[in-house]
Amino acid sequence: MKKLFLLPVLAIFMFSSCKKEEITQVQQVNQAFSAVYTIAPADWSSTDGGIIYSAELDVPELDNIIYQDGAVLTYLSFSGTSYYEALPQVFDGITYGAIHGNGFVSIDMSALSGNPIDPPGQAVSAKIILIDAQRLALRKDINLRDMQAVEKAFNIH
């Protein structure tokens, strides 16, 4: 009889110590933006006799906030391909790179050998991805090893 009495008491004790977990919905914040630009053959220019060609893209969304604290990713896709290559890149002896500033991204190309080259004779697609970010150095009061402190400081639920 004692055993029958202890079994329900033990079950009640076990289940009463369980705590209910509340699942909250995570708030999604879009902080990355992308656009695809077409660089026509006539958009490439050189000031050094064809050693380096460059094409400048007008990207007004690339503001001082993204320039100072965010990131800019650049990818190229040539006609006839179904993929984008991340820059910087070396392909068939040609180097491709990108620099950016407030309001623009400039894509350049040159030969590894240093010899003059011809610019692309077909349209090139450039995918520009802007990543907005908040500078962590401004929040030195946050212990980045404490997840609850980080969530509270950046209002992450």
N, C-alpha and C. Protein backbone atom coordinates (compact mmCIF):
# COMPACT_ATOMS: atom_id res chain seq x y z
N MET A 1 0.82 -1.19 0.00
CA MET A 1 0.00 0.00 0.00
C MET A 1 0.86 1.25 0.00
N LYS A 2 1.97 1.20 0.78
CA LYS A 2 2.87 2.34 0.80
C LYS A 2 3.42 2.65 -0.57
N LYS A 3 3.72 1.59 -1.33
CA LYS A 3 4.29 1.77 -2.66
C LYS A 3 3.28 2.45 -3.58
N LEU A 4 2.02 2.08 -3.48
CA LEU A 4 1.00 2.70 -4.32
C LEU A 4 0.81 4.18 -3.96
N PHE A 5 0.97 4.51 -2.70
CA PHE A 5 0.82 5.90 -2.26
C PHE A 5 2.03 6.74 -2.70
N LEU A 6 3.22 6.19 -2.65
CA LEU A 6 4.45 6.92 -3.01
C LEU A 6 4.54 7.20 -4.50
N LEU A 7 4.02 6.33 -5.33
CA LEU A 7 4.10 6.50 -6.77
C LEU A 7 3.39 7.77 -7.24
N PRO A 8 2.14 8.04 -6.85
CA PRO A 8 1.50 9.29 -7.27
C PRO A 8 2.16 10.53 -6.67
N VAL A 9 2.63 10.43 -5.44
CA VAL A 9 3.30 11.57 -4.80
C VAL A 9 4.58 11.90 -5.55
N LEU A 10 5.33 10.87 -5.94
CA LEU A 10 6.56 11.07 -6.69
C LEU A 10 6.26 11.70 -8.06
N ALA A 11 5.22 11.26 -8.72
CA ALA A 11 4.85 11.81 -10.03
C ALA A 11 4.45 13.28 -9.90
N ILE A 12 3.70 13.61 -8.87
CA ILE A 12 3.29 15.01 -8.65
C ILE A 12 4.51 15.87 -8.39
N PHE A 13 5.42 15.37 -7.59
CA PHE A 13 6.63 16.12 -7.28
C PHE A 13 7.47 16.36 -8.54
N MET A 14 7.60 15.34 -9.39
CA MET A 14 8.41 15.46 -10.62
C MET A 14 7.81 16.49 -11.57
N PHE A 15 6.51 16.44 -11.77
CA PHE A 15 5.88 17.33 -12.72
C PHE A 15 5.70 18.74 -12.19
N SER A 16 5.66 18.89 -10.90
CA SER A 16 5.52 20.24 -10.35
C SER A 16 6.82 21.02 -10.43
N SER A 17 7.94 20.34 -10.61
CA SER A 17 9.22 21.04 -10.71
C SER A 17 9.54 21.47 -12.13
N CYS A 18 8.75 21.04 -13.10
CA CYS A 18 8.97 21.46 -14.48
C CYS A 18 8.55 22.91 -14.64
N LYS A 19 9.33 23.64 -15.42
CA LYS A 19 8.94 25.02 -15.64
C LYS A 19 8.46 25.19 -17.08
N LYS A 20 7.52 26.05 -17.24
CA LYS A 20 6.94 26.31 -18.54
C LYS A 20 7.87 27.27 -19.30
N GLU A 21 8.21 26.89 -20.52
CA GLU A 21 9.03 27.76 -21.34
C GLU A 21 8.14 28.49 -22.32
N GLU A 22 8.34 29.78 -22.41
CA GLU A 22 7.55 30.59 -23.32
C GLU A 22 8.36 30.85 -24.58
N ILE A 23 7.79 30.55 -25.71
CA ILE A 23 8.47 30.76 -26.99
C ILE A 23 8.01 32.11 -27.53
N THR A 24 8.97 32.97 -27.77
CA THR A 24 8.64 34.28 -28.34
C THR A 24 9.05 34.32 -29.79
N GLN A 25 8.36 35.10 -30.55
CA GLN A 25 8.66 35.23 -31.97
C GLN A 25 9.86 36.15 -32.14
N VAL A 26 10.80 35.75 -32.97
CA VAL A 26 11.99 36.53 -33.24
C VAL A 26 11.64 37.62 -34.24
N GLN A 27 12.06 38.84 -33.94
CA GLN A 27 11.82 39.95 -34.85
C GLN A 27 12.92 39.98 -35.89
N GLN A 28 12.54 39.92 -37.16
CA GLN A 28 13.53 39.93 -38.23
C GLN A 28 13.74 41.37 -38.69
N VAL A 29 14.99 41.76 -38.80
CA VAL A 29 15.34 43.09 -39.26
C VAL A 29 16.21 42.94 -40.49
N ASN A 30 15.75 43.47 -41.61
CA ASN A 30 16.54 43.42 -42.83
C ASN A 30 17.65 44.44 -42.74
N GLN A 31 18.88 43.97 -42.77
CA GLN A 31 20.01 44.87 -42.72
C GLN A 31 20.92 44.68 -43.92
N ALA A 32 20.52 43.91 -44.89
CA ALA A 32 21.29 43.72 -46.11
C ALA A 32 20.40 44.10 -47.29
N PHE A 33 20.98 44.80 -48.24
CA PHE A 33 20.25 45.29 -49.40
C PHE A 33 21.08 44.96 -50.64
N SER A 34 20.43 44.61 -51.73
CA SER A 34 21.19 44.27 -52.93
C SER A 34 20.54 44.87 -54.17
N ALA A 35 21.37 45.06 -55.18
CA ALA A 35 20.90 45.54 -56.48
C ALA A 35 21.83 44.97 -57.54
N VAL A 36 21.30 44.74 -58.72
CA VAL A 36 22.09 44.24 -59.84
C VAL A 36 22.17 45.36 -60.87
N TYR A 37 23.39 45.66 -61.28
CA TYR A 37 23.67 46.70 -62.26
C TYR A 37 24.20 46.04 -63.53
N THR A 38 23.95 46.66 -64.67
CA THR A 38 24.51 46.20 -65.94
C THR A 38 25.60 47.17 -66.36
N ILE A 39 26.79 46.61 -66.59
CA ILE A 39 27.91 47.42 -67.07
C ILE A 39 28.04 47.14 -68.56
N ALA A 40 27.73 48.14 -69.38
CA ALA A 40 27.83 48.01 -70.83
C ALA A 40 29.29 48.11 -71.25
N PRO A 41 29.66 47.57 -72.42
CA PRO A 41 31.04 47.67 -72.89
C PRO A 41 31.56 49.10 -72.92
N ALA A 42 30.70 50.05 -73.23
CA ALA A 42 31.12 51.46 -73.31
C ALA A 42 31.34 52.09 -71.94
N ASP A 43 30.91 51.43 -70.86
CA ASP A 43 31.07 51.98 -69.51
C ASP A 43 32.48 51.82 -68.96
N TRP A 44 33.29 50.95 -69.56
CA TRP A 44 34.67 50.74 -69.10
C TRP A 44 35.56 51.84 -69.64
N SER A 45 36.41 52.40 -68.80
CA SER A 45 37.33 53.45 -69.24
C SER A 45 38.72 53.19 -68.67
N SER A 46 39.71 53.74 -69.39
CA SER A 46 41.10 53.60 -68.96
C SER A 46 41.80 54.94 -69.10
N THR A 47 42.65 55.26 -68.15
CA THR A 47 43.41 56.51 -68.21
C THR A 47 44.90 56.22 -68.41
N ASP A 48 45.25 54.94 -68.60
CA ASP A 48 46.67 54.59 -68.73
C ASP A 48 46.95 53.70 -69.93
N GLY A 49 46.21 53.90 -71.01
CA GLY A 49 46.46 53.16 -72.25
C GLY A 49 46.03 51.71 -72.20
N GLY A 50 45.08 51.38 -71.36
CA GLY A 50 44.53 50.02 -71.34
C GLY A 50 45.19 49.09 -70.34
N ILE A 51 46.02 49.63 -69.45
CA ILE A 51 46.62 48.79 -68.41
C ILE A 51 45.56 48.42 -67.37
N ILE A 52 44.77 49.41 -66.96
CA ILE A 52 43.68 49.20 -66.01
C ILE A 52 42.40 49.81 -66.59
N TYR A 53 41.34 49.04 -66.56
CA TYR A 53 40.01 49.54 -66.93
C TYR A 53 39.15 49.60 -65.68
N SER A 54 38.28 50.58 -65.63
CA SER A 54 37.37 50.67 -64.49
C SER A 54 35.99 51.13 -64.97
N ALA A 55 35.00 50.75 -64.20
CA ALA A 55 33.62 51.18 -64.43
C ALA A 55 33.05 51.59 -63.09
N GLU A 56 32.48 52.80 -63.04
CA GLU A 56 31.94 53.31 -61.78
C GLU A 56 30.43 53.19 -61.78
N LEU A 57 29.91 52.62 -60.69
CA LEU A 57 28.47 52.46 -60.52
C LEU A 57 27.96 53.47 -59.52
N ASP A 58 26.88 54.13 -59.86
CA ASP A 58 26.23 55.08 -58.96
C ASP A 58 25.36 54.28 -57.99
N VAL A 59 25.72 54.32 -56.70
CA VAL A 59 24.99 53.58 -55.67
C VAL A 59 24.63 54.57 -54.57
N PRO A 60 23.58 55.36 -54.76
CA PRO A 60 23.25 56.40 -53.77
C PRO A 60 22.90 55.86 -52.40
N GLU A 61 22.47 54.59 -52.31
CA GLU A 61 22.13 54.00 -51.02
C GLU A 61 23.38 53.74 -50.15
N LEU A 62 24.54 53.77 -50.77
CA LEU A 62 25.79 53.57 -50.03
C LEU A 62 26.12 54.89 -49.36
N ASP A 63 25.56 55.08 -48.18
CA ASP A 63 25.72 56.34 -47.47
C ASP A 63 26.88 56.26 -46.47
N ASN A 64 27.10 57.33 -45.74
CA ASN A 64 28.22 57.39 -44.81
C ASN A 64 28.09 56.37 -43.68
N ILE A 65 26.87 56.04 -43.29
CA ILE A 65 26.67 55.05 -42.22
C ILE A 65 27.17 53.68 -42.67
N ILE A 66 26.78 53.26 -43.88
CA ILE A 66 27.25 51.97 -44.39
C ILE A 66 28.75 52.04 -44.67
N TYR A 67 29.21 53.16 -45.22
CA TYR A 67 30.63 53.31 -45.52
C TYR A 67 31.48 53.18 -44.25
N GLN A 68 31.05 53.82 -43.16
CA GLN A 68 31.84 53.82 -41.93
C GLN A 68 31.71 52.52 -41.13
N ASP A 69 30.51 51.96 -41.06
CA ASP A 69 30.27 50.86 -40.13
C ASP A 69 29.78 49.57 -40.78
N GLY A 70 29.34 49.63 -42.02
CA GLY A 70 28.79 48.44 -42.67
C GLY A 70 29.78 47.76 -43.58
N ALA A 71 29.25 47.12 -44.60
CA ALA A 71 30.10 46.40 -45.55
C ALA A 71 29.48 46.48 -46.93
N VAL A 72 30.34 46.39 -47.94
CA VAL A 72 29.91 46.37 -49.33
C VAL A 72 30.53 45.14 -49.97
N LEU A 73 29.69 44.28 -50.53
CA LEU A 73 30.15 43.08 -51.23
C LEU A 73 29.86 43.27 -52.71
N THR A 74 30.80 42.86 -53.56
CA THR A 74 30.64 43.05 -55.00
C THR A 74 30.87 41.71 -55.71
N TYR A 75 29.98 41.41 -56.65
CA TYR A 75 30.05 40.17 -57.42
C TYR A 75 29.89 40.52 -58.90
N LEU A 76 30.54 39.76 -59.78
CA LEU A 76 30.39 39.95 -61.22
C LEU A 76 29.88 38.68 -61.87
N SER A 77 29.10 38.86 -62.92
CA SER A 77 28.63 37.76 -63.75
C SER A 77 28.77 38.20 -65.20
N PHE A 78 29.47 37.40 -65.99
CA PHE A 78 29.66 37.72 -67.40
C PHE A 78 28.58 37.07 -68.23
N SER A 79 28.29 37.64 -69.40
CA SER A 79 27.26 37.09 -70.29
C SER A 79 27.53 35.62 -70.57
N GLY A 80 26.47 34.85 -70.57
CA GLY A 80 26.59 33.43 -70.86
C GLY A 80 26.86 32.58 -69.63
N THR A 81 27.01 33.20 -68.46
CA THR A 81 27.22 32.42 -67.25
C THR A 81 25.98 32.53 -66.37
N SER A 82 25.83 31.57 -65.49
CA SER A 82 24.67 31.58 -64.60
C SER A 82 25.11 31.70 -63.14
N TYR A 83 26.26 32.30 -62.91
CA TYR A 83 26.77 32.44 -61.55
C TYR A 83 27.49 33.78 -61.40
N TYR A 84 27.66 34.19 -60.16
CA TYR A 84 28.38 35.41 -59.83
C TYR A 84 29.70 35.04 -59.16
N GLU A 85 30.75 35.78 -59.46
CA GLU A 85 32.06 35.60 -58.84
C GLU A 85 32.28 36.74 -57.86
N ALA A 86 32.68 36.42 -56.63
CA ALA A 86 32.95 37.44 -55.62
C ALA A 86 34.26 38.15 -55.94
N LEU A 87 34.30 39.45 -55.73
CA LEU A 87 35.53 40.22 -55.93
C LEU A 87 36.22 40.43 -54.59
N PRO A 88 37.54 40.46 -54.55
CA PRO A 88 38.47 40.39 -55.68
C PRO A 88 38.55 38.97 -56.24
N GLN A 89 39.00 38.89 -57.49
CA GLN A 89 39.02 37.62 -58.21
C GLN A 89 40.09 37.69 -59.30
N VAL A 90 40.71 36.58 -59.58
CA VAL A 90 41.63 36.45 -60.71
C VAL A 90 41.05 35.37 -61.61
N PHE A 91 40.87 35.70 -62.89
CA PHE A 91 40.29 34.74 -63.82
C PHE A 91 40.99 34.90 -65.17
N ASP A 92 41.54 33.83 -65.67
CA ASP A 92 42.26 33.83 -66.95
C ASP A 92 43.32 34.93 -67.02
N GLY A 93 44.06 35.13 -65.95
CA GLY A 93 45.15 36.10 -65.94
C GLY A 93 44.72 37.55 -65.76
N ILE A 94 43.41 37.77 -65.54
CA ILE A 94 42.88 39.13 -65.33
C ILE A 94 42.45 39.25 -63.87
N THR A 95 42.86 40.33 -63.23
CA THR A 95 42.44 40.58 -61.85
C THR A 95 41.24 41.53 -61.87
N TYR A 96 40.28 41.24 -61.03
CA TYR A 96 39.09 42.08 -60.88
C TYR A 96 39.02 42.51 -59.42
N GLY A 97 38.73 43.76 -59.18
CA GLY A 97 38.61 44.26 -57.83
C GLY A 97 37.56 45.35 -57.76
N ALA A 98 37.28 45.81 -56.56
CA ALA A 98 36.29 46.86 -56.37
C ALA A 98 36.71 47.74 -55.21
N ILE A 99 36.47 49.02 -55.36
CA ILE A 99 36.61 49.96 -54.26
C ILE A 99 35.29 50.71 -54.15
N HIS A 100 35.03 51.27 -52.98
CA HIS A 100 33.77 51.99 -52.82
C HIS A 100 33.97 53.20 -51.93
N GLY A 101 33.04 54.11 -52.06
CA GLY A 101 32.98 55.31 -51.24
C GLY A 101 31.53 55.74 -51.13
N ASN A 102 31.30 56.88 -50.55
CA ASN A 102 29.93 57.37 -50.41
C ASN A 102 29.29 57.53 -51.78
N GLY A 103 28.27 56.73 -52.05
CA GLY A 103 27.48 56.86 -53.27
C GLY A 103 28.00 56.14 -54.49
N PHE A 104 29.10 55.40 -54.41
CA PHE A 104 29.60 54.73 -55.61
C PHE A 104 30.35 53.45 -55.28
N VAL A 105 30.42 52.58 -56.29
CA VAL A 105 31.29 51.41 -56.29
C VAL A 105 32.02 51.43 -57.61
N SER A 106 33.33 51.32 -57.58
CA SER A 106 34.15 51.30 -58.78
C SER A 106 34.75 49.91 -58.94
N ILE A 107 34.53 49.32 -60.11
CA ILE A 107 35.06 47.99 -60.42
C ILE A 107 36.22 48.16 -61.38
N ASP A 108 37.33 47.49 -61.08
CA ASP A 108 38.50 47.62 -61.96
C ASP A 108 38.98 46.25 -62.41
N MET A 109 39.71 46.28 -63.50
CA MET A 109 40.28 45.05 -64.05
C MET A 109 41.63 45.37 -64.68
N SER A 110 42.57 44.43 -64.56
CA SER A 110 43.89 44.58 -65.17
C SER A 110 44.52 43.21 -65.34
N ALA A 111 45.54 43.13 -66.18
CA ALA A 111 46.23 41.86 -66.41
C ALA A 111 47.26 41.63 -65.31
N LEU A 112 47.40 40.40 -64.89
CA LEU A 112 48.44 40.06 -63.92
C LEU A 112 49.82 40.41 -64.45
N SER A 113 50.00 40.29 -65.76
CA SER A 113 51.29 40.56 -66.39
C SER A 113 51.63 42.04 -66.44
N GLY A 114 50.64 42.90 -66.28
CA GLY A 114 50.86 44.34 -66.40
C GLY A 114 50.74 44.84 -67.83
N ASN A 115 50.45 43.95 -68.75
CA ASN A 115 50.27 44.32 -70.15
C ASN A 115 48.90 44.96 -70.38
N PRO A 116 48.77 45.76 -71.43
CA PRO A 116 47.45 46.32 -71.77
C PRO A 116 46.45 45.20 -72.09
N ILE A 117 45.20 45.46 -71.79
CA ILE A 117 44.12 44.51 -72.06
C ILE A 117 42.98 45.22 -72.78
N ASP A 118 42.05 44.45 -73.27
CA ASP A 118 40.83 45.00 -73.85
C ASP A 118 39.72 44.87 -72.82
N PRO A 119 38.82 45.83 -72.74
CA PRO A 119 37.69 45.71 -71.81
C PRO A 119 36.71 44.66 -72.33
N PRO A 120 35.82 44.19 -71.48
CA PRO A 120 34.83 43.21 -71.94
C PRO A 120 34.03 43.75 -73.12
N GLY A 121 33.80 42.88 -74.09
CA GLY A 121 33.03 43.26 -75.27
C GLY A 121 31.55 42.99 -75.12
N GLN A 122 31.14 42.48 -74.00
CA GLN A 122 29.73 42.19 -73.74
C GLN A 122 29.33 42.80 -72.40
N ALA A 123 28.04 42.84 -72.16
CA ALA A 123 27.54 43.39 -70.89
C ALA A 123 27.98 42.49 -69.73
N VAL A 124 28.27 43.12 -68.61
CA VAL A 124 28.65 42.42 -67.39
C VAL A 124 27.65 42.81 -66.30
N SER A 125 27.16 41.83 -65.55
CA SER A 125 26.26 42.12 -64.44
C SER A 125 27.08 42.26 -63.17
N ALA A 126 26.77 43.28 -62.39
CA ALA A 126 27.43 43.49 -61.11
C ALA A 126 26.37 43.48 -60.02
N LYS A 127 26.53 42.58 -59.07
CA LYS A 127 25.61 42.53 -57.93
C LYS A 127 26.32 43.22 -56.77
N ILE A 128 25.67 44.25 -56.23
CA ILE A 128 26.22 44.99 -55.10
C ILE A 128 25.33 44.71 -53.89
N ILE A 129 25.94 44.28 -52.81
CA ILE A 129 25.21 44.01 -51.57
C ILE A 129 25.72 44.96 -50.50
N LEU A 130 24.81 45.71 -49.92
CA LEU A 130 25.14 46.64 -48.84
C LEU A 130 24.66 46.03 -47.54
N ILE A 131 25.54 46.00 -46.56
CA ILE A 131 25.19 45.46 -45.25
C ILE A 131 25.31 46.58 -44.23
N ASP A 132 24.18 46.92 -43.63
CA ASP A 132 24.15 47.95 -42.60
C ASP A 132 24.60 47.31 -41.29
N ALA A 133 25.24 48.07 -40.46
CA ALA A 133 25.72 47.53 -39.18
C ALA A 133 25.82 48.64 -38.16
N GLN A 134 25.78 48.26 -36.90
CA GLN A 134 25.96 49.21 -35.82
C GLN A 134 27.34 48.95 -35.22
N ARG A 135 28.11 49.99 -35.08
CA ARG A 135 29.47 49.87 -34.57
C ARG A 135 29.46 49.39 -33.13
N LEU A 136 30.12 48.29 -32.87
CA LEU A 136 30.17 47.74 -31.52
C LEU A 136 31.09 48.55 -30.61
N ALA A 137 32.10 49.17 -31.17
CA ALA A 137 33.05 49.93 -30.35
C ALA A 137 32.38 51.08 -29.62
N LEU A 138 31.26 51.55 -30.13
CA LEU A 138 30.54 52.64 -29.46
C LEU A 138 29.83 52.16 -28.21
N ARG A 139 29.71 50.87 -28.04
CA ARG A 139 28.98 50.29 -26.91
C ARG A 139 29.95 49.51 -26.03
N LYS A 140 30.99 50.17 -25.57
CA LYS A 140 32.00 49.51 -24.75
C LYS A 140 31.46 49.04 -23.40
N ASP A 141 30.29 49.56 -23.01
CA ASP A 141 29.70 49.16 -21.74
C ASP A 141 29.03 47.79 -21.81
N ILE A 142 28.95 47.19 -23.00
CA ILE A 142 28.29 45.90 -23.16
C ILE A 142 29.32 44.78 -23.06
N ASN A 143 29.00 43.79 -22.24
CA ASN A 143 29.84 42.60 -22.14
C ASN A 143 29.42 41.67 -23.29
N LEU A 144 30.24 41.60 -24.34
CA LEU A 144 29.89 40.81 -25.51
C LEU A 144 29.89 39.31 -25.23
N ARG A 145 30.36 38.90 -24.08
CA ARG A 145 30.35 37.49 -23.70
C ARG A 145 29.06 37.13 -22.95
N ASP A 146 28.22 38.12 -22.69
CA ASP A 146 26.96 37.92 -21.98
C ASP A 146 25.81 38.13 -22.97
N MET A 147 25.24 37.02 -23.44
CA MET A 147 24.20 37.08 -24.46
C MET A 147 23.00 37.92 -24.02
N GLN A 148 22.61 37.83 -22.77
CA GLN A 148 21.46 38.62 -22.29
C GLN A 148 21.77 40.11 -22.34
N ALA A 149 23.00 40.49 -22.02
CA ALA A 149 23.38 41.91 -22.07
C ALA A 149 23.37 42.41 -23.51
N VAL A 150 23.83 41.59 -24.45
CA VAL A 150 23.84 41.97 -25.86
C VAL A 150 22.41 42.10 -26.37
N GLU A 151 21.56 41.13 -26.06
CA GLU A 151 20.16 41.19 -26.49
C GLU A 151 19.46 42.43 -25.95
N LYS A 152 19.70 42.74 -24.70
CA LYS A 152 19.08 43.91 -24.08
C LYS A 152 19.59 45.20 -24.72
N ALA A 153 20.88 45.31 -24.93
CA ALA A 153 21.49 46.53 -25.48
C ALA A 153 21.01 46.81 -26.91
N PHE A 154 20.83 45.75 -27.70
CA PHE A 154 20.45 45.94 -29.10
C PHE A 154 18.98 45.64 -29.34
N ASN A 155 18.21 45.51 -28.27
CA ASN A 155 16.76 45.31 -28.33
C ASN A 155 16.40 44.11 -29.21
N ILE A 156 17.08 43.01 -28.96
CA ILE A 156 16.83 41.76 -29.69
C ILE A 156 15.95 40.90 -28.80
N HIS A 157 14.84 40.43 -29.37
CA HIS A 157 13.91 39.60 -28.58
C HIS A 157 13.93 38.20 -29.09
